[in-house]
Amino acid sequence: MRDFDSNRIYEILGEEFKNIYIVDCKTQQIHAFKETDVLPGFSAHMLYNDAMNQYIDHCVYEKNRDMLRIALSFNSLYTRLENAEHFNIHYQSKTDSEIHFMYTHFGCIKDHDKITQIVIGFANEDLDIRRNNLDMINNVITPSGLRRKVLIVEDNELNREMLKATLEDEYDVLEAVNGEDGLQL
């Protein structure tokens, strides 16, 4: 694997992530770029799918596991990054007695339009929410046009419309009629 381009990695993710990993797309091996806390599964030279499955088994709240296994398999991740250069996945993490809201940011490094490396950053959303609230108090947030996105996956049109009406004042709402369409979005 070639050397990491630190500037490019921080350009993709920012610097607030405690743990940043790089996946070599040719070998599918994980390499630690920045590791503050050792995550289960993410040891040196693990294969991506093995590492992610161990992380999901040990750290992710049970009700989010199946969704993450589908969305974060190497093939699904690679395909999604071919269509969008970066995205976040939100989920709940569990510790001994606490549940935390987490997110993982995925980005890619390309060489001649081919993805060569996948960049993964893990963050605690609870901390980011506190940071965002402080920003609002200090009036340093970006214009209100930048809002969080919510995906509604519901096959019943009436339910979908009611959920959208409830959420659209505060979120950019995306809609899908089934899980397959939802994964594509």
C-alpha atoms as a PDB file:
ATOM      1  CA  MET A   1       0.000   0.000   0.000  1.00  0.00           C
ATOM      2  CA  ARG A   2       1.333   3.424  -0.844  1.00  0.00           C
ATOM      3  CA  ASP A   3       1.900   6.093   1.788  1.00  0.00           C
ATOM      4  CA  PHE A   4      -1.102   7.857   3.266  1.00  0.00           C
ATOM      5  CA  ASP A   5      -1.814  11.360   1.989  1.00  0.00           C
ATOM      6  CA  SER A   6      -2.512  13.019   5.364  1.00  0.00           C
ATOM      7  CA  ASN A   7      -3.740  16.256   3.833  1.00  0.00           C
ATOM      8  CA  ARG A   8      -6.215  14.438   1.604  1.00  0.00           C
ATOM      9  CA  ILE A   9      -7.440  12.246   4.461  1.00  0.00           C
ATOM     10  CA  TYR A  10      -8.090  15.253   6.712  1.00  0.00           C
ATOM     11  CA  GLU A  11      -9.698  17.059   3.778  1.00  0.00           C
ATOM     12  CA  ILE A  12     -12.151  14.146   3.440  1.00  0.00           C
ATOM     13  CA  LEU A  13     -12.855  13.643   7.148  1.00  0.00           C
ATOM     14  CA  GLY A  14     -11.750  16.645   9.144  1.00  0.00           C
ATOM     15  CA  GLU A  15      -9.621  16.259  12.239  1.00  0.00           C
ATOM     16  CA  GLU A  16     -12.208  15.573  14.954  1.00  0.00           C
ATOM     17  CA  PHE A  17     -12.317  11.796  14.530  1.00  0.00           C
ATOM     18  CA  LYS A  18     -10.641   9.758  17.254  1.00  0.00           C
ATOM     19  CA  ASN A  19     -10.110   6.750  15.020  1.00  0.00           C
ATOM     20  CA  ILE A  20      -9.322   6.865  11.318  1.00  0.00           C
ATOM     21  CA  TYR A  21      -8.646   3.789   9.218  1.00  0.00           C
ATOM     22  CA  ILE A  22      -7.697   3.286   5.590  1.00  0.00           C
ATOM     23  CA  VAL A  23      -8.817   0.284   3.529  1.00  0.00           C
ATOM     24  CA  ASP A  24      -6.634  -0.720   0.608  1.00  0.00           C
ATOM     25  CA  CYS A  25      -9.190  -1.592  -2.085  1.00  0.00           C
ATOM     26  CA  LYS A  26      -6.887  -4.029  -3.837  1.00  0.00           C
ATOM     27  CA  THR A  27      -6.247  -6.221  -0.761  1.00  0.00           C
ATOM     28  CA  GLN A  28      -9.241  -5.087   1.353  1.00  0.00           C
ATOM     29  CA  GLN A  29      -6.877  -4.819   4.328  1.00  0.00           C
ATOM     30  CA  ILE A  30      -7.408  -2.252   7.076  1.00  0.00           C
ATOM     31  CA  HIS A  31      -4.576   0.069   8.116  1.00  0.00           C
ATOM     32  CA  ALA A  32      -4.706   2.388  11.136  1.00  0.00           C
ATOM     33  CA  PHE A  33      -4.085   6.017  10.241  1.00  0.00           C
ATOM     34  CA  LYS A  34      -5.065   7.559  13.594  1.00  0.00           C
ATOM     35  CA  GLU A  35      -6.051   5.326  16.477  1.00  0.00           C
ATOM     36  CA  THR A  36      -6.937   6.934  19.802  1.00  0.00           C
ATOM     37  CA  ASP A  37      -9.061   4.040  21.064  1.00  0.00           C
ATOM     38  CA  VAL A  38      -8.494   0.539  19.737  1.00  0.00           C
ATOM     39  CA  LEU A  39     -11.725  -0.679  18.166  1.00  0.00           C
ATOM     40  CA  PRO A  40     -12.636  -4.379  18.231  1.00  0.00           C
ATOM     41  CA  GLY A  41     -11.712  -5.979  14.921  1.00  0.00           C
ATOM     42  CA  PHE A  42      -9.602  -3.117  13.639  1.00  0.00           C
ATOM     43  CA  SER A  43      -6.190  -4.614  14.249  1.00  0.00           C
ATOM     44  CA  ALA A  44      -3.276  -4.434  11.858  1.00  0.00           C
ATOM     45  CA  HIS A  45      -3.854  -5.945   8.449  1.00  0.00           C
ATOM     46  CA  MET A  46      -7.329  -7.380   9.158  1.00  0.00           C
ATOM     47  CA  LEU A  47      -9.557  -7.804   6.144  1.00  0.00           C
ATOM     48  CA  TYR A  48     -12.247  -5.116   6.012  1.00  0.00           C
ATOM     49  CA  ASN A  49     -15.321  -7.396   6.192  1.00  0.00           C
ATOM     50  CA  ASP A  50     -13.859  -9.358   9.137  1.00  0.00           C
ATOM     51  CA  ALA A  51     -12.921  -6.167  10.994  1.00  0.00           C
ATOM     52  CA  MET A  52     -16.278  -4.493  10.415  1.00  0.00           C
ATOM     53  CA  ASN A  53     -18.226  -7.594  11.464  1.00  0.00           C
ATOM     54  CA  GLN A  54     -16.215  -7.841  14.706  1.00  0.00           C
ATOM     55  CA  TYR A  55     -16.790  -4.140  15.368  1.00  0.00           C
ATOM     56  CA  ILE A  56     -20.529  -4.522  14.726  1.00  0.00           C
ATOM     57  CA  ASP A  57     -20.732  -7.595  17.016  1.00  0.00           C
ATOM     58  CA  HIS A  58     -18.891  -5.909  19.887  1.00  0.00           C
ATOM     59  CA  CYS A  59     -19.886  -2.247  19.664  1.00  0.00           C
ATOM     60  CA  VAL A  60     -23.162  -1.793  17.855  1.00  0.00           C
ATOM     61  CA  TYR A  61     -26.541  -1.922  19.562  1.00  0.00           C
ATOM     62  CA  GLU A  62     -28.380  -5.095  18.530  1.00  0.00           C
ATOM     63  CA  LYS A  63     -31.217  -3.420  16.624  1.00  0.00           C
ATOM     64  CA  ASN A  64     -28.713  -1.716  14.260  1.00  0.00           C
ATOM     65  CA  ARG A  65     -26.515  -4.725  13.489  1.00  0.00           C
ATOM     66  CA  ASP A  66     -28.326  -6.274  10.512  1.00  0.00           C
ATOM     67  CA  MET A  67     -28.727  -2.925   8.759  1.00  0.00           C
ATOM     68  CA  LEU A  68     -25.036  -2.148   9.208  1.00  0.00           C
ATOM     69  CA  ARG A  69     -23.907  -5.571   7.991  1.00  0.00           C
ATOM     70  CA  ILE A  70     -25.781  -5.022   4.723  1.00  0.00           C
ATOM     71  CA  ALA A  71     -24.834  -1.368   4.265  1.00  0.00           C
ATOM     72  CA  LEU A  72     -21.185  -1.774   5.229  1.00  0.00           C
ATOM     73  CA  SER A  73     -20.095  -4.919   3.454  1.00  0.00           C
ATOM     74  CA  PHE A  74     -17.056  -4.110   1.320  1.00  0.00           C
ATOM     75  CA  ASN A  75     -18.962  -4.523  -1.951  1.00  0.00           C
ATOM     76  CA  SER A  76     -21.867  -2.304  -0.814  1.00  0.00           C
ATOM     77  CA  LEU A  77     -19.489   0.302   0.538  1.00  0.00           C
ATOM     78  CA  TYR A  78     -17.382   0.349  -2.624  1.00  0.00           C
ATOM     79  CA  THR A  79     -20.453   0.649  -4.855  1.00  0.00           C
ATOM     80  CA  ARG A  80     -21.863   3.477  -2.780  1.00  0.00           C
ATOM     81  CA  LEU A  81     -18.554   5.371  -2.879  1.00  0.00           C
ATOM     82  CA  GLU A  82     -18.482   5.055  -6.652  1.00  0.00           C
ATOM     83  CA  ASN A  83     -21.659   7.155  -6.675  1.00  0.00           C
ATOM     84  CA  ALA A  84     -20.914   9.525  -3.774  1.00  0.00           C
ATOM     85  CA  GLU A  85     -17.408  10.491  -2.693  1.00  0.00           C
ATOM     86  CA  HIS A  86     -18.337  10.424   0.989  1.00  0.00           C
ATOM     87  CA  PHE A  87     -21.271   9.770   3.337  1.00  0.00           C
ATOM     88  CA  ASN A  88     -22.130   9.139   6.997  1.00  0.00           C
ATOM     89  CA  ILE A  89     -23.795   6.135   8.605  1.00  0.00           C
ATOM     90  CA  HIS A  90     -25.569   6.797  11.932  1.00  0.00           C
ATOM     91  CA  TYR A  91     -26.173   4.048  14.472  1.00  0.00           C
ATOM     92  CA  GLN A  92     -26.290   3.323  18.175  1.00  0.00           C
ATOM     93  CA  SER A  93     -23.328   1.947  20.076  1.00  0.00           C
ATOM     94  CA  LYS A  94     -23.474   0.091  23.345  1.00  0.00           C
ATOM     95  CA  THR A  95     -21.124   0.038  26.279  1.00  0.00           C
ATOM     96  CA  ASP A  96     -21.695  -1.723  29.594  1.00  0.00           C
ATOM     97  CA  SER A  97     -24.884   0.131  30.498  1.00  0.00           C
ATOM     98  CA  GLU A  98     -25.029   3.067  28.117  1.00  0.00           C
ATOM     99  CA  ILE A  99     -26.162   3.570  24.565  1.00  0.00           C
ATOM    100  CA  HIS A 100     -24.430   6.263  22.512  1.00  0.00           C
ATOM    101  CA  PHE A 101     -25.347   7.758  19.183  1.00  0.00           C
ATOM    102  CA  MET A 102     -22.441   7.267  16.832  1.00  0.00           C
ATOM    103  CA  TYR A 103     -21.584   7.877  13.236  1.00  0.00           C
ATOM    104  CA  THR A 104     -18.982   6.630  10.875  1.00  0.00           C
ATOM    105  CA  HIS A 105     -17.869   8.786   7.970  1.00  0.00           C
ATOM    106  CA  PHE A 106     -16.738   7.055   4.782  1.00  0.00           C
ATOM    107  CA  GLY A 107     -14.796   8.684   1.984  1.00  0.00           C
ATOM    108  CA  CYS A 108     -12.547   7.554  -0.803  1.00  0.00           C
ATOM    109  CA  ILE A 109      -9.305   8.356  -2.529  1.00  0.00           C
ATOM    110  CA  LYS A 110      -9.325   7.805  -6.263  1.00  0.00           C
ATOM    111  CA  ASP A 111      -6.629   7.386  -8.845  1.00  0.00           C
ATOM    112  CA  HIS A 112      -7.861   8.049 -12.394  1.00  0.00           C
ATOM    113  CA  ASP A 113     -11.524   7.670 -11.329  1.00  0.00           C
ATOM    114  CA  LYS A 114     -10.857   4.310  -9.661  1.00  0.00           C
ATOM    115  CA  ILE A 115     -11.202   4.020  -5.886  1.00  0.00           C
ATOM    116  CA  THR A 116      -7.866   2.928  -4.436  1.00  0.00           C
ATOM    117  CA  GLN A 117      -8.436   3.619  -0.736  1.00  0.00           C
ATOM    118  CA  ILE A 118     -11.467   3.937   1.495  1.00  0.00           C
ATOM    119  CA  VAL A 119     -11.121   6.322   4.429  1.00  0.00           C
ATOM    120  CA  ILE A 120     -13.164   5.575   7.571  1.00  0.00           C
ATOM    121  CA  GLY A 121     -13.590   7.878  10.565  1.00  0.00           C
ATOM    122  CA  PHE A 122     -15.476   6.940  13.748  1.00  0.00           C
ATOM    123  CA  ALA A 123     -17.120   9.636  15.913  1.00  0.00           C
ATOM    124  CA  ASN A 124     -19.479   9.999  18.841  1.00  0.00           C
ATOM    125  CA  GLU A 125     -22.514  11.936  17.670  1.00  0.00           C
ATOM    126  CA  ASP A 126     -23.376  12.948  21.241  1.00  0.00           C
ATOM    127  CA  LEU A 127     -20.201  15.034  21.342  1.00  0.00           C
ATOM    128  CA  ASP A 128     -20.928  16.586  17.945  1.00  0.00           C
ATOM    129  CA  ILE A 129     -24.447  17.550  19.028  1.00  0.00           C
ATOM    130  CA  ARG A 130     -22.991  19.361  22.038  1.00  0.00           C
ATOM    131  CA  ARG A 131     -20.485  21.097  19.768  1.00  0.00           C
ATOM    132  CA  ASN A 132     -23.278  22.110  17.359  1.00  0.00           C
ATOM    133  CA  ASN A 133     -25.365  23.508  20.223  1.00  0.00           C
ATOM    134  CA  LEU A 134     -22.418  25.619  21.351  1.00  0.00           C
ATOM    135  CA  ASP A 135     -21.971  26.856  17.786  1.00  0.00           C
ATOM    136  CA  MET A 136     -25.630  27.920  17.665  1.00  0.00           C
ATOM    137  CA  ILE A 137     -25.234  29.885  20.884  1.00  0.00           C
ATOM    138  CA  ASN A 138     -22.185  31.632  19.474  1.00  0.00           C
ATOM    139  CA  ASN A 139     -23.863  32.200  16.073  1.00  0.00           C
ATOM    140  CA  VAL A 140     -21.024  30.574  14.157  1.00  0.00           C
ATOM    141  CA  ILE A 141     -22.920  27.823  12.398  1.00  0.00           C
ATOM    142  CA  THR A 142     -23.346  27.756   8.664  1.00  0.00           C
ATOM    143  CA  PRO A 143     -26.548  29.147   7.094  1.00  0.00           C
ATOM    144  CA  SER A 144     -29.734  27.257   7.857  1.00  0.00           C
ATOM    145  CA  GLY A 145     -29.706  25.784   4.347  1.00  0.00           C
ATOM    146  CA  LEU A 146     -27.345  23.060   5.593  1.00  0.00           C
ATOM    147  CA  ARG A 147     -29.503  20.632   7.527  1.00  0.00           C
ATOM    148  CA  ARG A 148     -29.230  17.008   8.532  1.00  0.00           C
ATOM    149  CA  LYS A 149     -30.851  14.468   6.249  1.00  0.00           C
ATOM    150  CA  VAL A 150     -33.386  11.853   7.278  1.00  0.00           C
ATOM    151  CA  LEU A 151     -34.298   8.852   5.162  1.00  0.00           C
ATOM    152  CA  ILE A 152     -37.830   7.501   5.522  1.00  0.00           C
ATOM    153  CA  VAL A 153     -38.257   3.919   4.313  1.00  0.00           C
ATOM    154  CA  GLU A 154     -41.936   3.054   4.361  1.00  0.00           C
ATOM    155  CA  ASP A 155     -44.123   1.231   1.837  1.00  0.00           C
ATOM    156  CA  ASN A 156     -47.357   2.859   3.034  1.00  0.00           C
ATOM    157  CA  GLU A 157     -47.735   6.219   1.271  1.00  0.00           C
ATOM    158  CA  LEU A 158     -49.906   7.774   4.003  1.00  0.00           C
ATOM    159  CA  ASN A 159     -47.400   6.844   6.730  1.00  0.00           C
ATOM    160  CA  ARG A 160     -44.554   8.196   4.602  1.00  0.00           C
ATOM    161  CA  GLU A 161     -46.357  11.507   4.059  1.00  0.00           C
ATOM    162  CA  MET A 162     -47.180  11.897   7.769  1.00  0.00           C
ATOM    163  CA  LEU A 163     -43.568  11.242   8.750  1.00  0.00           C
ATOM    164  CA  LYS A 164     -42.330  13.659   6.113  1.00  0.00           C
ATOM    165  CA  ALA A 165     -44.721  16.390   7.292  1.00  0.00           C
ATOM    166  CA  THR A 166     -43.504  15.888  10.855  1.00  0.00           C
ATOM    167  CA  LEU A 167     -39.803  16.047   9.969  1.00  0.00           C
ATOM    168  CA  GLU A 168     -39.463  18.392   6.994  1.00  0.00           C
ATOM    169  CA  ASP A 169     -39.322  21.618   9.037  1.00  0.00           C
ATOM    170  CA  GLU A 170     -36.063  20.558  10.651  1.00  0.00           C
ATOM    171  CA  TYR A 171     -34.558  18.012   8.241  1.00  0.00           C
ATOM    172  CA  ASP A 172     -33.985  17.413   4.562  1.00  0.00           C
ATOM    173  CA  VAL A 173     -36.221  14.384   4.073  1.00  0.00           C
ATOM    174  CA  LEU A 174     -35.493  11.608   1.582  1.00  0.00           C
ATOM    175  CA  GLU A 175     -38.101   8.938   0.903  1.00  0.00           C
ATOM    176  CA  ALA A 176     -37.971   5.327  -0.237  1.00  0.00           C
ATOM    177  CA  VAL A 177     -40.755   2.780  -0.609  1.00  0.00           C
ATOM    178  CA  ASN A 178     -38.602  -0.245   0.257  1.00  0.00           C
ATOM    179  CA  GLY A 179     -35.266  -1.216   1.785  1.00  0.00           C
ATOM    180  CA  GLU A 180     -33.539  -1.700  -1.562  1.00  0.00           C
ATOM    181  CA  ASP A 181     -34.446   1.839  -2.695  1.00  0.00           C
ATOM    182  CA  GLY A 182     -33.444   3.117   0.735  1.00  0.00           C
ATOM    183  CA  LEU A 183     -29.983   1.563   0.442  1.00  0.00           C
ATOM    184  CA  GLN A 184     -29.571   3.129  -2.992  1.00  0.00           C
ATOM    185  CA  LEU A 185     -30.398   6.571  -1.553  1.00  0.00           C
END
